[in-house]
Each structure stands twice: as C-alpha cells, then as structure tokens.
Amino acid sequence: MNFFRQQEVRLAIRFLRAHYQRQGRLVPGEQEVERQATKIVDDAHRIARERGRNVISILRELVSDLRK
C-alpha cells in the first residue's frame, strides 16, 4: 500500500471506531476493523472515479451508512 492509501485506511479505521462507540456497540477486533476500513476505502475510490467526488467525504458517508 502506498502512503496515501495507508492514511486513508487509518482515517477510515478512526471513523469506524467512532461510529461503533457512538452507537454503543462493541468495536470488533483490530483485523476486522482494518478489513472493513480497507473495503470502505476501495468503495470510496470506486465511487470517486465514477462520480468525481472527494474520497474523504465519501468515506464519511460510507461509514455513516453502516447504521443499517
């Protein structure tokens, strides 16, 4: 992973942990959170390519959509 991709995954991990804590749910193990974050970053990049939007704002939206 390149530097920017690692930073995006780390940011997604922070978003995920905060999201779980706000919902009062137990935060999954480190590997599971990293797996989820990597998938979210991949999805955000795909959406950004398709729609030409900012990856960080897409990350926030994808994490907030986990409520379902």
C-alpha atoms as a PDB file:
ATOM      1  CA  MET A   1       0.000   0.000   0.000  1.00  0.00           C
ATOM      2  CA  ASN A   2       1.270   3.437  -0.787  1.00  0.00           C
ATOM      3  CA  PHE A   3       1.472   6.222   1.768  1.00  0.00           C
ATOM      4  CA  PHE A   4      -1.792   7.962   0.833  1.00  0.00           C
ATOM      5  CA  ARG A   5      -3.740   4.715   0.764  1.00  0.00           C
ATOM      6  CA  GLN A   6      -2.424   3.833   4.242  1.00  0.00           C
ATOM      7  CA  GLN A   7      -3.512   7.232   5.525  1.00  0.00           C
ATOM      8  CA  GLU A   8      -6.999   6.753   4.066  1.00  0.00           C
ATOM      9  CA  VAL A   9      -7.304   3.320   5.693  1.00  0.00           C
ATOM     10  CA  ARG A  10      -6.154   4.744   9.044  1.00  0.00           C
ATOM     11  CA  LEU A  11      -8.718   7.548   8.729  1.00  0.00           C
ATOM     12  CA  ALA A  12     -11.444   5.025   7.886  1.00  0.00           C
ATOM     13  CA  ILE A  13     -10.450   2.981  10.954  1.00  0.00           C
ATOM     14  CA  ARG A  14     -10.865   6.079  13.128  1.00  0.00           C
ATOM     15  CA  PHE A  15     -14.271   6.782  11.542  1.00  0.00           C
ATOM     16  CA  LEU A  16     -15.348   3.170  12.135  1.00  0.00           C
ATOM     17  CA  ARG A  17     -14.253   3.121  15.777  1.00  0.00           C
ATOM     18  CA  ALA A  18     -16.018   6.421  16.462  1.00  0.00           C
ATOM     19  CA  HIS A  19     -19.114   5.125  14.699  1.00  0.00           C
ATOM     20  CA  TYR A  20     -19.219   1.948  16.802  1.00  0.00           C
ATOM     21  CA  GLN A  21     -18.669   3.925  20.006  1.00  0.00           C
ATOM     22  CA  ARG A  22     -21.431   6.435  19.191  1.00  0.00           C
ATOM     23  CA  GLN A  23     -23.817   3.547  18.664  1.00  0.00           C
ATOM     24  CA  GLY A  24     -22.743   1.970  21.945  1.00  0.00           C
ATOM     25  CA  ARG A  25     -21.593  -1.171  20.164  1.00  0.00           C
ATOM     26  CA  LEU A  26     -18.504  -3.209  20.897  1.00  0.00           C
ATOM     27  CA  VAL A  27     -15.669  -2.373  18.495  1.00  0.00           C
ATOM     28  CA  PRO A  28     -14.603  -5.525  16.607  1.00  0.00           C
ATOM     29  CA  GLY A  29     -11.026  -6.796  16.694  1.00  0.00           C
ATOM     30  CA  GLU A  30      -8.205  -4.902  15.012  1.00  0.00           C
ATOM     31  CA  GLN A  31      -8.056  -7.186  11.962  1.00  0.00           C
ATOM     32  CA  GLU A  32     -11.814  -6.983  11.374  1.00  0.00           C
ATOM     33  CA  VAL A  33     -11.840  -3.191  11.647  1.00  0.00           C
ATOM     34  CA  GLU A  34      -8.889  -2.973   9.245  1.00  0.00           C
ATOM     35  CA  ARG A  35     -10.649  -5.304   6.794  1.00  0.00           C
ATOM     36  CA  GLN A  36     -13.797  -3.163   6.926  1.00  0.00           C
ATOM     37  CA  ALA A  37     -11.766   0.031   6.542  1.00  0.00           C
ATOM     38  CA  THR A  38      -9.919  -1.327   3.511  1.00  0.00           C
ATOM     39  CA  LYS A  39     -13.205  -2.284   1.868  1.00  0.00           C
ATOM     40  CA  ILE A  40     -14.660   1.146   2.602  1.00  0.00           C
ATOM     41  CA  VAL A  41     -11.603   2.876   1.106  1.00  0.00           C
ATOM     42  CA  ASP A  42     -11.834   0.677  -2.001  1.00  0.00           C
ATOM     43  CA  ASP A  43     -15.532   1.531  -2.346  1.00  0.00           C
ATOM     44  CA  ALA A  44     -14.807   5.239  -1.843  1.00  0.00           C
ATOM     45  CA  HIS A  45     -12.196   5.210  -4.595  1.00  0.00           C
ATOM     46  CA  ARG A  46     -14.566   3.427  -6.954  1.00  0.00           C
ATOM     47  CA  ILE A  47     -17.318   5.952  -6.247  1.00  0.00           C
ATOM     48  CA  ALA A  48     -14.880   8.859  -6.627  1.00  0.00           C
ATOM     49  CA  ARG A  49     -13.813   7.575 -10.046  1.00  0.00           C
ATOM     50  CA  GLU A  50     -17.427   7.196 -11.152  1.00  0.00           C
ATOM     51  CA  ARG A  51     -18.734  10.495  -9.789  1.00  0.00           C
ATOM     52  CA  GLY A  52     -15.646  12.676  -9.465  1.00  0.00           C
ATOM     53  CA  ARG A  53     -16.151  13.420  -5.771  1.00  0.00           C
ATOM     54  CA  ASN A  54     -13.816  13.798  -2.799  1.00  0.00           C
ATOM     55  CA  VAL A  55     -12.689  10.471  -1.290  1.00  0.00           C
ATOM     56  CA  ILE A  56     -12.777  11.733   2.323  1.00  0.00           C
ATOM     57  CA  SER A  57     -16.408  12.894   2.103  1.00  0.00           C
ATOM     58  CA  ILE A  58     -17.332   9.562   0.529  1.00  0.00           C
ATOM     59  CA  LEU A  59     -15.579   7.715   3.397  1.00  0.00           C
ATOM     60  CA  ARG A  60     -17.672   9.613   5.912  1.00  0.00           C
ATOM     61  CA  GLU A  61     -20.874   8.776   4.047  1.00  0.00           C
ATOM     62  CA  LEU A  62     -19.998   5.091   3.750  1.00  0.00           C
ATOM     63  CA  VAL A  63     -19.224   4.787   7.457  1.00  0.00           C
ATOM     64  CA  SER A  64     -22.425   6.600   8.417  1.00  0.00           C
ATOM     65  CA  ASP A  65     -24.396   4.216   6.176  1.00  0.00           C
ATOM     66  CA  LEU A  66     -23.345   1.318   8.429  1.00  0.00           C
ATOM     67  CA  ARG A  67     -26.283   2.088  10.723  1.00  0.00           C
ATOM     68  CA  LYS A  68     -28.452  -0.206   8.659  1.00  0.00           C
END
